[in-house]
PDB file of N, CA and C in Angstrom:
ATOM      1  N   MET A   1    -154.424 126.654   6.002  1.00  0.00           N
ATOM      2  CA  MET A   1    -153.734 125.377   5.982  1.00  0.00           C
ATOM      3  C   MET A   1    -152.232 125.613   5.837  1.00  0.00           C
ATOM      4  N   LYS A   2    -151.451 124.986   6.694  1.00  0.00           N
ATOM      5  CA  LYS A   2    -150.003 125.141   6.682  1.00  0.00           C
ATOM      6  C   LYS A   2    -149.377 124.263   5.601  1.00  0.00           C
ATOM      7  N   ALA A   3    -148.444 124.829   4.858  1.00  0.00           N
ATOM      8  CA  ALA A   3    -147.738 124.053   3.831  1.00  0.00           C
ATOM      9  C   ALA A   3    -146.796 123.062   4.506  1.00  0.00           C
ATOM     10  N   ARG A   4    -146.735 121.855   3.965  1.00  0.00           N
ATOM     11  CA  ARG A   4    -145.848 120.830   4.506  1.00  0.00           C
ATOM     12  C   ARG A   4    -144.567 120.770   3.701  1.00  0.00           C
ATOM     13  N   THR A   5    -143.503 120.426   4.374  1.00  0.00           N
ATOM     14  CA  THR A   5    -142.239 120.223   3.679  1.00  0.00           C
ATOM     15  C   THR A   5    -142.165 118.772   3.206  1.00  0.00           C
ATOM     16  N   LEU A   6    -141.216 118.514   2.357  1.00  0.00           N
ATOM     17  CA  LEU A   6    -141.000 117.141   1.897  1.00  0.00           C
ATOM     18  C   LEU A   6    -140.664 116.237   3.082  1.00  0.00           C
ATOM     19  N   GLN A   7    -139.878 116.755   4.018  1.00  0.00           N
ATOM     20  CA  GLN A   7    -139.512 115.961   5.187  1.00  0.00           C
ATOM     21  C   GLN A   7    -140.754 115.620   6.023  1.00  0.00           C
ATOM     22  N   ASP A   8    -141.680 116.581   6.157  1.00  0.00           N
ATOM     23  CA  ASP A   8    -142.922 116.327   6.894  1.00  0.00           C
ATOM     24  C   ASP A   8    -143.740 115.243   6.197  1.00  0.00           C
ATOM     25  N   TYR A   9    -143.840 115.356   4.884  1.00  0.00           N
ATOM     26  CA  TYR A   9    -144.607 114.379   4.112  1.00  0.00           C
ATOM     27  C   TYR A   9    -143.992 112.988   4.249  1.00  0.00           C
ATOM     28  N   LYS A  10    -142.667 112.931   4.115  1.00  0.00           N
ATOM     29  CA  LYS A  10    -141.983 111.639   4.225  1.00  0.00           C
ATOM     30  C   LYS A  10    -142.192 111.044   5.615  1.00  0.00           C
ATOM     31  N   ALA A  11    -142.062 111.860   6.661  1.00  0.00           N
ATOM     32  CA  ALA A  11    -142.251 111.370   8.027  1.00  0.00           C
ATOM     33  C   ALA A  11    -143.658 110.803   8.206  1.00  0.00           C
ATOM     34  N   GLN A  12    -144.638 111.466   7.635  1.00  0.00           N
ATOM     35  CA  GLN A  12    -146.021 110.991   7.727  1.00  0.00           C
ATOM     36  C   GLN A  12    -146.187 109.662   6.978  1.00  0.00           C
ATOM     37  N   GLN A  13    -145.627 109.578   5.795  1.00  0.00           N
ATOM     38  CA  GLN A  13    -145.745 108.369   4.990  1.00  0.00           C
ATOM     39  C   GLN A  13    -144.992 107.192   5.609  1.00  0.00           C
ATOM     40  N   MET A  14    -143.876 107.476   6.288  1.00  0.00           N
ATOM     41  CA  MET A  14    -143.075 106.414   6.898  1.00  0.00           C
ATOM     42  C   MET A  14    -143.838 105.687   8.004  1.00  0.00           C
ATOM     43  N   LYS A  15    -144.924 106.253   8.462  1.00  0.00           N
ATOM     44  CA  LYS A  15    -145.759 105.587   9.469  1.00  0.00           C
ATOM     45  C   LYS A  15    -146.545 104.430   8.858  1.00  0.00           C
ATOM     46  N   LYS A  16    -146.628 104.414   7.535  1.00  0.00           N
ATOM     47  CA  LYS A  16    -147.325 103.341   6.825  1.00  0.00           C
ATOM     48  C   LYS A  16    -146.333 102.216   6.540  1.00  0.00           C
ATOM     49  N   PRO A  17    -146.589 101.008   7.041  1.00  0.00           N
ATOM     50  CA  PRO A  17    -145.635  99.905   6.863  1.00  0.00           C
ATOM     51  C   PRO A  17    -145.271  99.624   5.401  1.00  0.00           C
ATOM     52  N   GLY A  18    -146.235  99.665   4.510  1.00  0.00           N
ATOM     53  CA  GLY A  18    -145.951  99.382   3.102  1.00  0.00           C
ATOM     54  C   GLY A  18    -145.030 100.418   2.484  1.00  0.00           C
ATOM     55  N   PHE A  19    -145.260 101.682   2.810  1.00  0.00           N
ATOM     56  CA  PHE A  19    -144.413 102.763   2.291  1.00  0.00           C
ATOM     57  C   PHE A  19    -143.004 102.630   2.850  1.00  0.00           C
ATOM     58  N   LYS A  20    -142.921 102.413   4.167  1.00  0.00           N
ATOM     59  CA  LYS A  20    -141.617 102.305   4.819  1.00  0.00           C
ATOM     60  C   LYS A  20    -140.800 101.162   4.231  1.00  0.00           C
ATOM     61  N   LYS A  21    -141.434 100.025   4.009  1.00  0.00           N
ATOM     62  CA  LYS A  21    -140.743  98.865   3.431  1.00  0.00           C
ATOM     63  C   LYS A  21    -140.244  99.192   2.022  1.00  0.00           C
ATOM     64  N   ALA A  22    -141.106  99.778   1.194  1.00  0.00           N
ATOM     65  CA  ALA A  22    -140.729 100.127  -0.179  1.00  0.00           C
ATOM     66  C   ALA A  22    -139.593 101.149  -0.186  1.00  0.00           C
ATOM     67  N   TRP A  23    -139.654 102.110   0.721  1.00  0.00           N
ATOM     68  CA  TRP A  23    -138.623 103.152   0.801  1.00  0.00           C
ATOM     69  C   TRP A  23    -137.264 102.517   1.106  1.00  0.00           C
ATOM     70  N   HIS A  24    -137.230 101.640   2.107  1.00  0.00           N
ATOM     71  CA  HIS A  24    -135.964 101.045   2.511  1.00  0.00           C
ATOM     72  C   HIS A  24    -135.443 100.027   1.504  1.00  0.00           C
ATOM     73  N   GLU A  25    -136.295  99.480   0.682  1.00  0.00           N
ATOM     74  CA  GLU A  25    -135.836  98.573  -0.365  1.00  0.00           C
ATOM     75  C   GLU A  25    -135.015  99.319  -1.417  1.00  0.00           C
ATOM     76  N   LEU A  26    -135.152 100.635  -1.462  1.00  0.00           N
ATOM     77  CA  LEU A  26    -134.406 101.442  -2.423  1.00  0.00           C
ATOM     78  C   LEU A  26    -133.109 102.007  -1.843  1.00  0.00           C
ATOM     79  N   ASP A  27    -132.791 101.718  -0.591  1.00  0.00           N
ATOM     80  CA  ASP A  27    -131.600 102.285   0.047  1.00  0.00           C
ATOM     81  C   ASP A  27    -130.331 102.044  -0.761  1.00  0.00           C
ATOM     82  N   ALA A  28    -130.106 100.817  -1.201  1.00  0.00           N
ATOM     83  CA  ALA A  28    -128.873 100.499  -1.938  1.00  0.00           C
ATOM     84  C   ALA A  28    -128.804 101.288  -3.245  1.00  0.00           C
ATOM     85  N   GLU A  29    -129.933 101.405  -3.919  1.00  0.00           N
ATOM     86  CA  GLU A  29    -129.959 102.160  -5.179  1.00  0.00           C
ATOM     87  C   GLU A  29    -129.671 103.636  -4.929  1.00  0.00           C
ATOM     88  N   PHE A  30    -130.271 104.183  -3.871  1.00  0.00           N
ATOM     89  CA  PHE A  30    -130.023 105.591  -3.539  1.00  0.00           C
ATOM     90  C   PHE A  30    -128.555 105.830  -3.193  1.00  0.00           C
ATOM     91  N   GLU A  31    -127.957 104.912  -2.445  1.00  0.00           N
ATOM     92  CA  GLU A  31    -126.546 105.050  -2.081  1.00  0.00           C
ATOM     93  C   GLU A  31    -125.657 105.019  -3.314  1.00  0.00           C
ATOM     94  N   LEU A  32    -125.936 104.096  -4.220  1.00  0.00           N
ATOM     95  CA  LEU A  32    -125.156 103.994  -5.455  1.00  0.00           C
ATOM     96  C   LEU A  32    -125.303 105.254  -6.291  1.00  0.00           C
ATOM     97  N   LEU A  33    -126.508 105.719  -6.430  1.00  0.00           N
ATOM     98  CA  LEU A  33    -126.762 106.936  -7.208  1.00  0.00           C
ATOM     99  C   LEU A  33    -126.045 108.129  -6.590  1.00  0.00           C
ATOM    100  N   GLU A  34    -126.161 108.274  -5.286  1.00  0.00           N
ATOM    101  CA  GLU A  34    -125.524 109.405  -4.609  1.00  0.00           C
ATOM    102  C   GLU A  34    -124.012 109.391  -4.796  1.00  0.00           C
ATOM    103  N   SER A  35    -123.404 108.216  -4.670  1.00  0.00           N
ATOM    104  CA  SER A  35    -121.948 108.138  -4.831  1.00  0.00           C
ATOM    105  C   SER A  35    -121.532 108.423  -6.267  1.00  0.00           C
ATOM    106  N   MET A  36    -122.300 107.936  -7.229  1.00  0.00           N
ATOM    107  CA  MET A  36    -121.980 108.190  -8.631  1.00  0.00           C
ATOM    108  C   MET A  36    -122.069 109.683  -8.949  1.00  0.00           C
ATOM    109  N   LEU A  37    -123.146 110.319  -8.521  1.00  0.00           N
ATOM    110  CA  LEU A  37    -123.317 111.749  -8.791  1.00  0.00           C
ATOM    111  C   LEU A  37    -122.213 112.564  -8.123  1.00  0.00           C
ATOM    112  N   LYS A  38    -121.877 112.203  -6.898  1.00  0.00           N
ATOM    113  CA  LYS A  38    -120.837 112.929  -6.171  1.00  0.00           C
ATOM    114  C   LYS A  38    -119.490 112.808  -6.884  1.00  0.00           C
ATOM    115  N   LEU A  39    -119.136 111.592  -7.292  1.00  0.00           N
ATOM    116  CA  LEU A  39    -117.865 111.396  -7.992  1.00  0.00           C
ATOM    117  C   LEU A  39    -117.843 112.115  -9.343  1.00  0.00           C
ATOM    118  N   ARG A  40    -118.962 112.069 -10.049  1.00  0.00           N
ATOM    119  CA  ARG A  40    -119.015 112.748 -11.348  1.00  0.00           C
ATOM    120  C   ARG A  40    -118.842 114.245 -11.166  1.00  0.00           C
ATOM    121  N   GLU A  41    -119.528 114.811 -10.177  1.00  0.00           N
ATOM    122  CA  GLU A  41    -119.427 116.249  -9.932  1.00  0.00           C
ATOM    123  C   GLU A  41    -118.027 116.631  -9.462  1.00  0.00           C
ATOM    124  N   GLN A  42    -117.427 115.828  -8.579  1.00  0.00           N
ATOM    125  CA  GLN A  42    -116.081 116.111  -8.092  1.00  0.00           C
ATOM    126  C   GLN A  42    -115.049 116.085  -9.212  1.00  0.00           C
ATOM    127  N   SER A  43    -115.285 115.229 -10.189  1.00  0.00           N
ATOM    128  CA  SER A  43    -114.346 115.128 -11.314  1.00  0.00           C
ATOM    129  C   SER A  43    -114.558 116.241 -12.334  1.00  0.00           C
ATOM    130  N   GLY A  44    -115.664 116.971 -12.195  1.00  0.00           N
ATOM    131  CA  GLY A  44    -115.969 118.037 -13.147  1.00  0.00           C
ATOM    132  C   GLY A  44    -116.501 117.508 -14.470  1.00  0.00           C
ATOM    133  N   MET A  45    -116.905 116.246 -14.477  1.00  0.00           N
ATOM    134  CA  MET A  45    -117.400 115.617 -15.695  1.00  0.00           C
ATOM    135  C   MET A  45    -118.876 115.916 -15.912  1.00  0.00           C
ATOM    136  N   THR A  46    -119.231 116.191 -17.145  1.00  0.00           N
ATOM    137  CA  THR A  46    -120.641 116.352 -17.492  1.00  0.00           C
ATOM    138  C   THR A  46    -121.226 114.978 -17.804  1.00  0.00           C
ATOM    139  N   GLN A  47    -122.545 114.921 -17.881  1.00  0.00           N
ATOM    140  CA  GLN A  47    -123.187 113.670 -18.311  1.00  0.00           C
ATOM    141  C   GLN A  47    -122.689 113.285 -19.691  1.00  0.00           C
ATOM    142  N   GLN A  48    -122.553 114.266 -20.565  1.00  0.00           N
ATOM    143  CA  GLN A  48    -122.108 113.992 -21.933  1.00  0.00           C
ATOM    144  C   GLN A  48    -120.726 113.352 -21.947  1.00  0.00           C
ATOM    145  N   THR A  49    -119.806 113.912 -21.152  1.00  0.00           N
ATOM    146  CA  THR A  49    -118.444 113.384 -21.108  1.00  0.00           C
ATOM    147  C   THR A  49    -118.417 111.964 -20.544  1.00  0.00           C
ATOM    148  N   LEU A  50    -119.146 111.744 -19.440  1.00  0.00           N
ATOM    149  CA  LEU A  50    -119.179 110.410 -18.848  1.00  0.00           C
ATOM    150  C   LEU A  50    -119.823 109.412 -19.805  1.00  0.00           C
ATOM    151  N   ALA A  51    -120.889 109.825 -20.456  1.00  0.00           N
ATOM    152  CA  ALA A  51    -121.558 108.940 -21.418  1.00  0.00           C
ATOM    153  C   ALA A  51    -120.584 108.514 -22.523  1.00  0.00           C
ATOM    154  N   GLU A  52    -119.823 109.468 -23.048  1.00  0.00           N
ATOM    155  CA  GLU A  52    -118.845 109.141 -24.090  1.00  0.00           C
ATOM    156  C   GLU A  52    -117.798 108.166 -23.573  1.00  0.00           C
ATOM    157  N   LYS A  53    -117.340 108.373 -22.334  1.00  0.00           N
ATOM    158  CA  LYS A  53    -116.305 107.500 -21.770  1.00  0.00           C
ATOM    159  C   LYS A  53    -116.789 106.061 -21.585  1.00  0.00           C
ATOM    160  N   ILE A  54    -118.088 105.894 -21.330  1.00  0.00           N
ATOM    161  CA  ILE A  54    -118.590 104.531 -21.111  1.00  0.00           C
ATOM    162  C   ILE A  54    -119.253 103.949 -22.359  1.00  0.00           C
ATOM    163  N   GLY A  55    -119.242 104.716 -23.443  1.00  0.00           N
ATOM    164  CA  GLY A  55    -119.750 104.194 -24.709  1.00  0.00           C
ATOM    165  C   GLY A  55    -121.262 104.204 -24.846  1.00  0.00           C
ATOM    166  N   THR A  56    -121.897 105.213 -24.275  1.00  0.00           N
ATOM    167  CA  THR A  56    -123.344 105.342 -24.415  1.00  0.00           C
ATOM    168  C   THR A  56    -123.690 106.785 -24.764  1.00  0.00           C
ATOM    169  N   LYS A  57    -124.960 107.078 -24.826  1.00  0.00           N
ATOM    170  CA  LYS A  57    -125.408 108.434 -25.144  1.00  0.00           C
ATOM    171  C   LYS A  57    -125.861 109.128 -23.864  1.00  0.00           C
ATOM    172  N   GLN A  58    -125.799 110.451 -23.875  1.00  0.00           N
ATOM    173  CA  GLN A  58    -126.144 111.251 -22.699  1.00  0.00           C
ATOM    174  C   GLN A  58    -127.561 110.969 -22.198  1.00  0.00           C
ATOM    175  N   PRO A  59    -128.583 110.859 -23.061  1.00  0.00           N
ATOM    176  CA  PRO A  59    -129.926 110.577 -22.533  1.00  0.00           C
ATOM    177  C   PRO A  59    -130.008 109.256 -21.756  1.00  0.00           C
ATOM    178  N   ALA A  60    -129.241 108.262 -22.177  1.00  0.00           N
ATOM    179  CA  ALA A  60    -129.232 106.979 -21.462  1.00  0.00           C
ATOM    180  C   ALA A  60    -128.612 107.150 -20.079  1.00  0.00           C
ATOM    181  N   LEU A  61    -127.539 107.924 -19.992  1.00  0.00           N
ATOM    182  CA  LEU A  61    -126.915 108.184 -18.702  1.00  0.00           C
ATOM    183  C   LEU A  61    -127.850 109.007 -17.817  1.00  0.00           C
ATOM    184  N   SER A  62    -128.541 109.949 -18.402  1.00  0.00           N
ATOM    185  CA  SER A  62    -129.504 110.752 -17.651  1.00  0.00           C
ATOM    186  C   SER A  62    -130.582 109.872 -17.034  1.00  0.00           C
ATOM    187  N   ARG A  63    -131.099 108.922 -17.801  1.00  0.00           N
ATOM    188  CA  ARG A  63    -132.112 107.992 -17.273  1.00  0.00           C
ATOM    189  C   ARG A  63    -131.541 107.182 -16.108  1.00  0.00           C
ATOM    190  N   LEU A  64    -130.310 106.765 -16.256  1.00  0.00           N
ATOM    191  CA  LEU A  64    -129.654 106.000 -15.206  1.00  0.00           C
ATOM    192  C   LEU A  64    -129.532 106.846 -13.935  1.00  0.00           C
ATOM    193  N   GLU A  65    -129.135 108.108 -14.093  1.00  0.00           N
ATOM    194  CA  GLU A  65    -128.970 108.997 -12.949  1.00  0.00           C
ATOM    195  C   GLU A  65    -130.303 109.383 -12.313  1.00  0.00           C
ATOM    196  N   ARG A  66    -131.378 109.195 -13.009  1.00  0.00           N
ATOM    197  CA  ARG A  66    -132.702 109.480 -12.436  1.00  0.00           C
ATOM    198  C   ARG A  66    -133.293 108.246 -11.765  1.00  0.00           C
ATOM    199  N   GLY A  67    -132.490 107.222 -11.605  1.00  0.00           N
ATOM    200  CA  GLY A  67    -132.974 106.058 -10.877  1.00  0.00           C
ATOM    201  C   GLY A  67    -133.154 104.820 -11.713  1.00  0.00           C
ATOM    202  N   GLY A  68    -132.424 104.693 -12.785  1.00  0.00           N
ATOM    203  CA  GLY A  68    -132.557 103.533 -13.647  1.00  0.00           C
ATOM    204  C   GLY A  68    -131.580 102.419 -13.352  1.00  0.00           C
ATOM    205  N   PHE A  69    -131.058 102.361 -12.120  1.00  0.00           N
ATOM    206  CA  PHE A  69    -130.054 101.355 -11.786  1.00  0.00           C
ATOM    207  C   PHE A  69    -130.598  99.942 -11.769  1.00  0.00           C
ATOM    208  N   LYS A  70    -131.885  99.779 -11.619  1.00  0.00           N
ATOM    209  CA  LYS A  70    -132.445  98.426 -11.566  1.00  0.00           C
ATOM    210  C   LYS A  70    -132.161  97.650 -12.848  1.00  0.00           C
ATOM    211  N   ASN A  71    -132.039  98.360 -13.949  1.00  0.00           N
ATOM    212  CA  ASN A  71    -131.800  97.706 -15.232  1.00  0.00           C
ATOM    213  C   ASN A  71    -130.338  97.791 -15.672  1.00  0.00           C
ATOM    214  N   ALA A  72    -129.487  98.390 -14.829  1.00  0.00           N
ATOM    215  CA  ALA A  72    -128.079  98.538 -15.205  1.00  0.00           C
ATOM    216  C   ALA A  72    -127.344  97.215 -14.997  1.00  0.00           C
ATOM    217  N   SER A  73    -126.526  96.867 -15.957  1.00  0.00           N
ATOM    218  CA  SER A  73    -125.744  95.634 -15.845  1.00  0.00           C
ATOM    219  C   SER A  73    -124.479  95.898 -15.026  1.00  0.00           C
ATOM    220  N   MET A  74    -123.884  94.820 -14.538  1.00  0.00           N
ATOM    221  CA  MET A  74    -122.610  94.939 -13.828  1.00  0.00           C
ATOM    222  C   MET A  74    -121.552  95.530 -14.756  1.00  0.00           C
ATOM    223  N   GLU A  75    -121.640  95.179 -16.029  1.00  0.00           N
ATOM    224  CA  GLU A  75    -120.686  95.716 -16.998  1.00  0.00           C
ATOM    225  C   GLU A  75    -120.802  97.233 -17.084  1.00  0.00           C
ATOM    226  N   THR A  76    -122.025  97.752 -17.144  1.00  0.00           N
ATOM    227  CA  THR A  76    -122.230  99.194 -17.213  1.00  0.00           C
ATOM    228  C   THR A  76    -121.733  99.868 -15.945  1.00  0.00           C
ATOM    229  N   LEU A  77    -122.061  99.295 -14.794  1.00  0.00           N
ATOM    230  CA  LEU A  77    -121.609  99.875 -13.530  1.00  0.00           C
ATOM    231  C   LEU A  77    -120.091  99.851 -13.430  1.00  0.00           C
ATOM    232  N   SER A  78    -119.460  98.800 -13.931  1.00  0.00           N
ATOM    233  CA  SER A  78    -117.996  98.718 -13.939  1.00  0.00           C
ATOM    234  C   SER A  78    -117.387  99.785 -14.841  1.00  0.00           C
ATOM    235  N   LYS A  79    -118.002 100.008 -15.999  1.00  0.00           N
ATOM    236  CA  LYS A  79    -117.510 101.055 -16.909  1.00  0.00           C
ATOM    237  C   LYS A  79    -117.615 102.433 -16.259  1.00  0.00           C
ATOM    238  N   ILE A  80    -118.728 102.669 -15.560  1.00  0.00           N
ATOM    239  CA  ILE A  80    -118.905 103.954 -14.872  1.00  0.00           C
ATOM    240  C   ILE A  80    -117.840 104.114 -13.795  1.00  0.00           C
ATOM    241  N   ALA A  81    -117.626 103.069 -13.015  1.00  0.00           N
ATOM    242  CA  ALA A  81    -116.608 103.127 -11.965  1.00  0.00           C
ATOM    243  C   ALA A  81    -115.237 103.428 -12.562  1.00  0.00           C
ATOM    244  N   ASP A  82    -114.870 102.739 -13.624  1.00  0.00           N
ATOM    245  CA  ASP A  82    -113.577 102.975 -14.270  1.00  0.00           C
ATOM    246  C   ASP A  82    -113.456 104.406 -14.769  1.00  0.00           C
ATOM    247  N   ALA A  83    -114.510 104.892 -15.410  1.00  0.00           N
ATOM    248  CA  ALA A  83    -114.483 106.254 -15.960  1.00  0.00           C
ATOM    249  C   ALA A  83    -114.368 107.303 -14.862  1.00  0.00           C
ATOM    250  N   LEU A  84    -114.873 106.989 -13.681  1.00  0.00           N
ATOM    251  CA  LEU A  84    -114.816 107.928 -12.557  1.00  0.00           C
ATOM    252  C   LEU A  84    -113.633 107.645 -11.634  1.00  0.00           C
ATOM    253  N   ASP A  85    -112.729 106.768 -12.085  1.00  0.00           N
ATOM    254  CA  ASP A  85    -111.556 106.377 -11.306  1.00  0.00           C
ATOM    255  C   ASP A  85    -111.981 105.900  -9.921  1.00  0.00           C
ATOM    256  N   ALA A  86    -112.964 105.023  -9.919  1.00  0.00           N
ATOM    257  CA  ALA A  86    -113.519 104.487  -8.676  1.00  0.00           C
ATOM    258  C   ALA A  86    -113.506 102.968  -8.726  1.00  0.00           C
ATOM    259  N   ARG A  87    -113.784 102.370  -7.597  1.00  0.00           N
ATOM    260  CA  ARG A  87    -113.851 100.918  -7.488  1.00  0.00           C
ATOM    261  C   ARG A  87    -115.296 100.538  -7.190  1.00  0.00           C
ATOM    262  N   LEU A  88    -115.847  99.641  -7.979  1.00  0.00           N
ATOM    263  CA  LEU A  88    -117.209  99.154  -7.764  1.00  0.00           C
ATOM    264  C   LEU A  88    -117.166  98.046  -6.728  1.00  0.00           C
ATOM    265  N   VAL A  89    -117.968  98.189  -5.667  1.00  0.00           N
ATOM    266  CA  VAL A  89    -118.022  97.194  -4.601  1.00  0.00           C
ATOM    267  C   VAL A  89    -119.461  96.709  -4.499  1.00  0.00           C
ATOM    268  N   VAL A  90    -119.636  95.392  -4.633  1.00  0.00           N
ATOM    269  CA  VAL A  90    -120.964  94.784  -4.523  1.00  0.00           C
ATOM    270  C   VAL A  90    -120.867  93.703  -3.457  1.00  0.00           C
ATOM    271  N   ARG A  91    -121.791  93.723  -2.515  1.00  0.00           N
ATOM    272  CA  ARG A  91    -121.773  92.708  -1.472  1.00  0.00           C
ATOM    273  C   ARG A  91    -123.192  92.423  -0.990  1.00  0.00           C
ATOM    274  N   LEU A  92    -123.365  91.270  -0.404  1.00  0.00           N
ATOM    275  CA  LEU A  92    -124.636  90.901   0.198  1.00  0.00           C
ATOM    276  C   LEU A  92    -124.491  91.009   1.703  1.00  0.00           C
ATOM    277  N   GLU A  93    -125.500  91.579   2.329  1.00  0.00           N
ATOM    278  CA  GLU A  93    -125.511  91.715   3.782  1.00  0.00           C
ATOM    279  C   GLU A  93    -126.841  91.202   4.295  1.00  0.00           C
ATOM    280  N   PRO A  94    -126.845  90.678   5.505  1.00  0.00           N
ATOM    281  CA  PRO A  94    -128.124  90.217   6.059  1.00  0.00           C
ATOM    282  C   PRO A  94    -129.086  91.390   6.247  1.00  0.00           C
ATOM    283  N   LYS A  95    -130.364  91.116   6.059  1.00  0.00           N
ATOM    284  CA  LYS A  95    -131.369  92.141   6.320  1.00  0.00           C
ATOM    285  C   LYS A  95    -131.510  92.297   7.827  1.00  0.00           C
ATOM    286  N   HIS A  96    -131.817  93.489   8.244  1.00  0.00           N
ATOM    287  CA  HIS A  96    -131.954  93.739   9.687  1.00  0.00           C
ATOM    288  C   HIS A  96    -133.412  93.826  10.058  1.00  0.00           C
TER     289      HIS A  96
END
């Protein structure tokens, strides 16, 4: 039996309408997470340092970076943006 890659598995699962819909519903969260991680890494900031700058603890920031944005408030996201010298942009777009 040939081992499958993650990309192979994802491609197979994307053929299922329910999986594909659920996957794409997370696009905005994935984009936000990716940009946050990239900015944090570019700044040379650790989770601990960023957590201190936004007034929280490192484990809470770690949970957020593992996909906890659904429960993040606009205030928290604004604090993260400020600490990373970034601008938070939120907009609504029509679904395609």
